[in-house]
């Protein structure tokens, strides 16, 4: 548990520093740093956790994106329906 907490804290710090740097260097109107970290992290996962399960990995990623987008729109609908 301690390793998860430490690793998560380090990851969150790196994500924050990258986002702040991107805001200053590129543009403040788009989360370039978050996108860069997500792409780099995905690449690293591909390097470190290769098990030959390409189809399940692709399905998991696709389902995650689709479910996240549906959740986004459900959240928007919910907030907009409040009195």
C-alpha atoms as a PDB file:
ATOM      1  CA  UNK A   1       0.000   0.000   0.000  1.00  0.00           C
ATOM      2  CA  UNK A   2       2.815   2.366   0.847  1.00  0.00           C
ATOM      3  CA  UNK A   3       4.442   1.775  -2.547  1.00  0.00           C
ATOM      4  CA  UNK A   4       1.152   2.562  -4.286  1.00  0.00           C
ATOM      5  CA  UNK A   5       0.785   5.792  -2.297  1.00  0.00           C
ATOM      6  CA  UNK A   6       4.379   6.860  -2.982  1.00  0.00           C
ATOM      7  CA  UNK A   7       4.166   5.937  -6.656  1.00  0.00           C
ATOM      8  CA  UNK A   8       0.860   7.758  -7.036  1.00  0.00           C
ATOM      9  CA  UNK A   9       2.268  10.843  -5.338  1.00  0.00           C
ATOM     10  CA  UNK A  10       5.329  10.881  -7.580  1.00  0.00           C
ATOM     11  CA  UNK A  11       3.151  10.404 -10.662  1.00  0.00           C
ATOM     12  CA  UNK A  12       0.789  13.183  -9.607  1.00  0.00           C
ATOM     13  CA  UNK A  13       3.727  15.531  -9.002  1.00  0.00           C
ATOM     14  CA  UNK A  14       5.235  14.807 -12.415  1.00  0.00           C
ATOM     15  CA  UNK A  15       1.836  15.267 -14.082  1.00  0.00           C
ATOM     16  CA  UNK A  16       1.351  18.603 -12.313  1.00  0.00           C
ATOM     17  CA  UNK A  17       4.819  19.912 -13.192  1.00  0.00           C
ATOM     18  CA  UNK A  18       4.400  18.851 -16.822  1.00  0.00           C
ATOM     19  CA  UNK A  19       0.991  20.529 -17.015  1.00  0.00           C
ATOM     20  CA  UNK A  20       2.301  23.757 -15.502  1.00  0.00           C
ATOM     21  CA  UNK A  21       5.273  23.775 -17.876  1.00  0.00           C
ATOM     22  CA  UNK A  22       3.050  23.191 -20.888  1.00  0.00           C
ATOM     23  CA  UNK A  23       0.708  25.978 -19.817  1.00  0.00           C
ATOM     24  CA  UNK A  24       3.634  28.401 -19.747  1.00  0.00           C
ATOM     25  CA  UNK A  25       5.374  27.173 -22.899  1.00  0.00           C
ATOM     26  CA  UNK A  26       2.564  26.282 -25.283  1.00  0.00           C
ATOM     27  CA  UNK A  27      -0.855  27.737 -24.549  1.00  0.00           C
ATOM     28  CA  UNK A  28      -3.112  28.139 -21.535  1.00  0.00           C
ATOM     29  CA  UNK A  29      -6.338  27.190 -23.316  1.00  0.00           C
ATOM     30  CA  UNK A  30      -5.738  23.467 -23.806  1.00  0.00           C
ATOM     31  CA  UNK A  31      -4.420  20.761 -21.444  1.00  0.00           C
ATOM     32  CA  UNK A  32      -1.289  19.981 -23.498  1.00  0.00           C
ATOM     33  CA  UNK A  33       0.626  18.728 -20.470  1.00  0.00           C
ATOM     34  CA  UNK A  34      -2.089  16.256 -19.513  1.00  0.00           C
ATOM     35  CA  UNK A  35      -2.281  14.973 -23.073  1.00  0.00           C
ATOM     36  CA  UNK A  36       1.512  14.608 -23.254  1.00  0.00           C
ATOM     37  CA  UNK A  37       1.651  12.696 -19.959  1.00  0.00           C
ATOM     38  CA  UNK A  38      -1.176  10.389 -21.066  1.00  0.00           C
ATOM     39  CA  UNK A  39       0.589   9.617 -24.352  1.00  0.00           C
ATOM     40  CA  UNK A  40       3.965   9.066 -22.662  1.00  0.00           C
ATOM     41  CA  UNK A  41       2.335   6.898 -19.996  1.00  0.00           C
ATOM     42  CA  UNK A  42       0.578   4.812 -22.625  1.00  0.00           C
ATOM     43  CA  UNK A  43       3.860   4.328 -24.454  1.00  0.00           C
ATOM     44  CA  UNK A  44       5.569   3.294 -21.211  1.00  0.00           C
ATOM     45  CA  UNK A  45       2.815   0.780 -20.462  1.00  0.00           C
ATOM     46  CA  UNK A  46       3.325  -0.689 -23.917  1.00  0.00           C
ATOM     47  CA  UNK A  47       7.025  -1.042 -23.205  1.00  0.00           C
ATOM     48  CA  UNK A  48       6.692  -2.484 -19.699  1.00  0.00           C
ATOM     49  CA  UNK A  49       3.593  -4.709 -19.746  1.00  0.00           C
ATOM     50  CA  UNK A  50       3.696  -6.567 -23.013  1.00  0.00           C
ATOM     51  CA  UNK A  51       1.974  -9.940 -22.641  1.00  0.00           C
ATOM     52  CA  UNK A  52       0.871 -10.546 -26.206  1.00  0.00           C
ATOM     53  CA  UNK A  53      -2.735  -9.713 -25.323  1.00  0.00           C
ATOM     54  CA  UNK A  54      -3.182  -7.028 -27.960  1.00  0.00           C
ATOM     55  CA  UNK A  55      -6.896  -7.546 -28.613  1.00  0.00           C
ATOM     56  CA  UNK A  56      -7.950  -7.457 -24.926  1.00  0.00           C
ATOM     57  CA  UNK A  57      -5.745  -4.387 -24.356  1.00  0.00           C
ATOM     58  CA  UNK A  58      -7.301  -2.614 -27.348  1.00  0.00           C
ATOM     59  CA  UNK A  59     -10.802  -3.578 -26.175  1.00  0.00           C
ATOM     60  CA  UNK A  60     -10.082  -2.331 -22.667  1.00  0.00           C
ATOM     61  CA  UNK A  61      -8.765   1.004 -23.951  1.00  0.00           C
ATOM     62  CA  UNK A  62     -11.676   1.459 -26.335  1.00  0.00           C
ATOM     63  CA  UNK A  63     -14.244   0.574 -23.673  1.00  0.00           C
ATOM     64  CA  UNK A  64     -12.562   2.928 -21.185  1.00  0.00           C
ATOM     65  CA  UNK A  65     -12.749   5.844 -23.607  1.00  0.00           C
ATOM     66  CA  UNK A  66     -16.340   5.152 -24.620  1.00  0.00           C
ATOM     67  CA  UNK A  67     -17.535   4.696 -21.033  1.00  0.00           C
ATOM     68  CA  UNK A  68     -15.656   7.852 -19.950  1.00  0.00           C
ATOM     69  CA  UNK A  69     -17.329   9.899 -22.698  1.00  0.00           C
ATOM     70  CA  UNK A  70     -20.762   8.507 -21.782  1.00  0.00           C
ATOM     71  CA  UNK A  71     -20.074   9.365 -18.119  1.00  0.00           C
ATOM     72  CA  UNK A  72     -19.080  12.900 -19.139  1.00  0.00           C
ATOM     73  CA  UNK A  73     -22.352  13.460 -20.956  1.00  0.00           C
ATOM     74  CA  UNK A  74     -24.364  11.882 -18.145  1.00  0.00           C
ATOM     75  CA  UNK A  75     -22.678  14.257 -15.711  1.00  0.00           C
ATOM     76  CA  UNK A  76     -23.420  17.238 -17.950  1.00  0.00           C
ATOM     77  CA  UNK A  77     -27.032  16.136 -18.302  1.00  0.00           C
ATOM     78  CA  UNK A  78     -27.353  15.704 -14.535  1.00  0.00           C
ATOM     79  CA  UNK A  79     -25.905  19.126 -13.686  1.00  0.00           C
ATOM     80  CA  UNK A  80     -27.987  20.868 -16.356  1.00  0.00           C
ATOM     81  CA  UNK A  81     -31.170  19.222 -15.069  1.00  0.00           C
ATOM     82  CA  UNK A  82     -30.710  20.574 -11.541  1.00  0.00           C
ATOM     83  CA  UNK A  83     -33.090  23.398 -10.609  1.00  0.00           C
END
